[in-house]
Amino acid sequence: MKKENQILDVFYVEELEQRFEMGWYTVSNGTTECNMLTGECYTNAQ
């Protein structure tokens, strides 16, 4: 079970890095993402 969680964490980190490379970053409130390249933002309700 623990190993699966670690694998998921790695996938999640890689996905975040890919998103960041595409210009996406999370605003400090943690629920809004904006794109530095296009200026668009959207709220990621969790």
N, C-alpha and C. Protein backbone atom coordinates (compact mmCIF):
# COMPACT_ATOMS: atom_id res chain seq x y z
N MET A 1 0.84 -1.21 0.00
CA MET A 1 0.00 0.00 0.00
C MET A 1 0.88 1.26 0.00
N LYS A 2 1.89 1.22 0.84
CA LYS A 2 2.78 2.38 0.95
C LYS A 2 3.47 2.65 -0.38
N LYS A 3 3.90 1.59 -1.05
CA LYS A 3 4.61 1.76 -2.31
C LYS A 3 3.72 2.42 -3.36
N GLU A 4 2.44 2.04 -3.39
CA GLU A 4 1.51 2.66 -4.35
C GLU A 4 1.43 4.16 -4.10
N ASN A 5 1.35 4.54 -2.84
CA ASN A 5 1.28 5.96 -2.52
C ASN A 5 2.51 6.70 -3.02
N GLN A 6 3.68 6.09 -2.86
CA GLN A 6 4.91 6.73 -3.32
C GLN A 6 4.89 6.91 -4.83
N ILE A 7 4.40 5.87 -5.53
CA ILE A 7 4.32 5.96 -6.99
C ILE A 7 3.38 7.08 -7.39
N LEU A 8 2.23 7.17 -6.73
CA LEU A 8 1.27 8.23 -7.03
C LEU A 8 1.90 9.59 -6.79
N ASP A 9 2.65 9.72 -5.69
CA ASP A 9 3.32 10.99 -5.39
C ASP A 9 4.27 11.38 -6.51
N VAL A 10 5.02 10.41 -7.03
CA VAL A 10 5.97 10.69 -8.10
C VAL A 10 5.23 11.16 -9.35
N PHE A 11 4.14 10.45 -9.70
CA PHE A 11 3.36 10.87 -10.85
C PHE A 11 2.84 12.29 -10.65
N TYR A 12 2.36 12.58 -9.44
CA TYR A 12 1.79 13.89 -9.15
C TYR A 12 2.84 14.97 -9.31
N VAL A 13 4.03 14.72 -8.76
CA VAL A 13 5.11 15.70 -8.86
C VAL A 13 5.50 15.92 -10.32
N GLU A 14 5.60 14.82 -11.08
CA GLU A 14 5.96 14.96 -12.49
C GLU A 14 4.90 15.76 -13.24
N GLU A 15 3.63 15.51 -12.90
CA GLU A 15 2.55 16.25 -13.56
C GLU A 15 2.65 17.73 -13.22
N LEU A 16 2.91 18.04 -11.96
CA LEU A 16 3.06 19.44 -11.56
C LEU A 16 4.21 20.10 -12.31
N GLU A 17 5.32 19.37 -12.44
CA GLU A 17 6.48 19.93 -13.14
C GLU A 17 6.15 20.18 -14.61
N GLN A 18 5.43 19.25 -15.23
CA GLN A 18 5.05 19.44 -16.63
C GLN A 18 4.14 20.65 -16.77
N ARG A 19 3.18 20.79 -15.83
CA ARG A 19 2.27 21.92 -15.89
C ARG A 19 3.05 23.23 -15.73
N PHE A 20 4.02 23.22 -14.81
CA PHE A 20 4.81 24.42 -14.58
C PHE A 20 5.60 24.78 -15.84
N GLU A 21 6.14 23.77 -16.52
CA GLU A 21 6.89 24.02 -17.75
C GLU A 21 6.00 24.63 -18.82
N MET A 22 4.70 24.31 -18.78
CA MET A 22 3.76 24.86 -19.76
C MET A 22 3.27 26.24 -19.34
N GLY A 23 3.75 26.74 -18.19
CA GLY A 23 3.42 28.09 -17.76
C GLY A 23 2.39 28.16 -16.65
N TRP A 24 1.91 27.01 -16.19
CA TRP A 24 0.90 27.03 -15.13
C TRP A 24 1.56 27.14 -13.76
N TYR A 25 0.95 27.91 -12.90
CA TYR A 25 1.39 27.97 -11.52
C TYR A 25 0.16 28.16 -10.64
N THR A 26 0.26 27.73 -9.39
CA THR A 26 -0.86 27.83 -8.47
C THR A 26 -0.72 29.12 -7.67
N VAL A 27 -1.80 29.90 -7.63
CA VAL A 27 -1.81 31.13 -6.85
C VAL A 27 -1.77 30.76 -5.37
N SER A 28 -1.30 31.68 -4.53
CA SER A 28 -1.02 31.36 -3.13
C SER A 28 -2.22 30.84 -2.36
N ASN A 29 -3.45 31.12 -2.82
CA ASN A 29 -4.60 30.58 -2.09
C ASN A 29 -4.75 29.07 -2.30
N GLY A 30 -4.00 28.53 -3.27
CA GLY A 30 -3.93 27.08 -3.44
C GLY A 30 -5.04 26.48 -4.28
N THR A 31 -6.05 27.27 -4.66
CA THR A 31 -7.15 26.70 -5.43
C THR A 31 -7.25 27.30 -6.83
N THR A 32 -6.49 28.34 -7.09
CA THR A 32 -6.55 28.99 -8.39
C THR A 32 -5.25 28.74 -9.14
N GLU A 33 -5.37 28.36 -10.40
CA GLU A 33 -4.19 28.18 -11.24
C GLU A 33 -4.22 29.23 -12.34
N CYS A 34 -3.05 29.81 -12.62
CA CYS A 34 -2.93 30.78 -13.69
C CYS A 34 -1.83 30.35 -14.63
N ASN A 35 -1.91 30.80 -15.86
CA ASN A 35 -0.90 30.47 -16.86
C ASN A 35 -0.11 31.72 -17.20
N MET A 36 1.20 31.67 -16.96
CA MET A 36 2.05 32.83 -17.22
C MET A 36 2.11 33.16 -18.71
N LEU A 37 1.91 32.13 -19.54
CA LEU A 37 2.07 32.33 -20.98
C LEU A 37 0.84 32.99 -21.60
N THR A 38 -0.36 32.61 -21.12
CA THR A 38 -1.59 33.10 -21.74
C THR A 38 -2.33 34.09 -20.86
N GLY A 39 -2.01 34.12 -19.56
CA GLY A 39 -2.70 35.02 -18.65
C GLY A 39 -4.04 34.49 -18.17
N GLU A 40 -4.43 33.29 -18.61
CA GLU A 40 -5.72 32.77 -18.17
C GLU A 40 -5.61 32.15 -16.79
N CYS A 41 -6.69 32.23 -16.03
CA CYS A 41 -6.74 31.65 -14.69
C CYS A 41 -8.02 30.84 -14.56
N TYR A 42 -7.97 29.82 -13.74
CA TYR A 42 -9.21 29.13 -13.40
C TYR A 42 -9.11 28.60 -11.98
N THR A 43 -10.26 28.45 -11.34
CA THR A 43 -10.30 27.95 -9.97
C THR A 43 -10.45 26.44 -10.00
N ASN A 44 -9.60 25.78 -9.26
CA ASN A 44 -9.61 24.33 -9.18
C ASN A 44 -10.27 23.94 -7.87
N ALA A 45 -11.58 23.77 -7.88
CA ALA A 45 -12.31 23.45 -6.65
C ALA A 45 -11.96 22.04 -6.19
N GLN A 46 -11.56 21.93 -4.94
CA GLN A 46 -11.21 20.61 -4.42
C GLN A 46 -12.07 20.24 -3.23
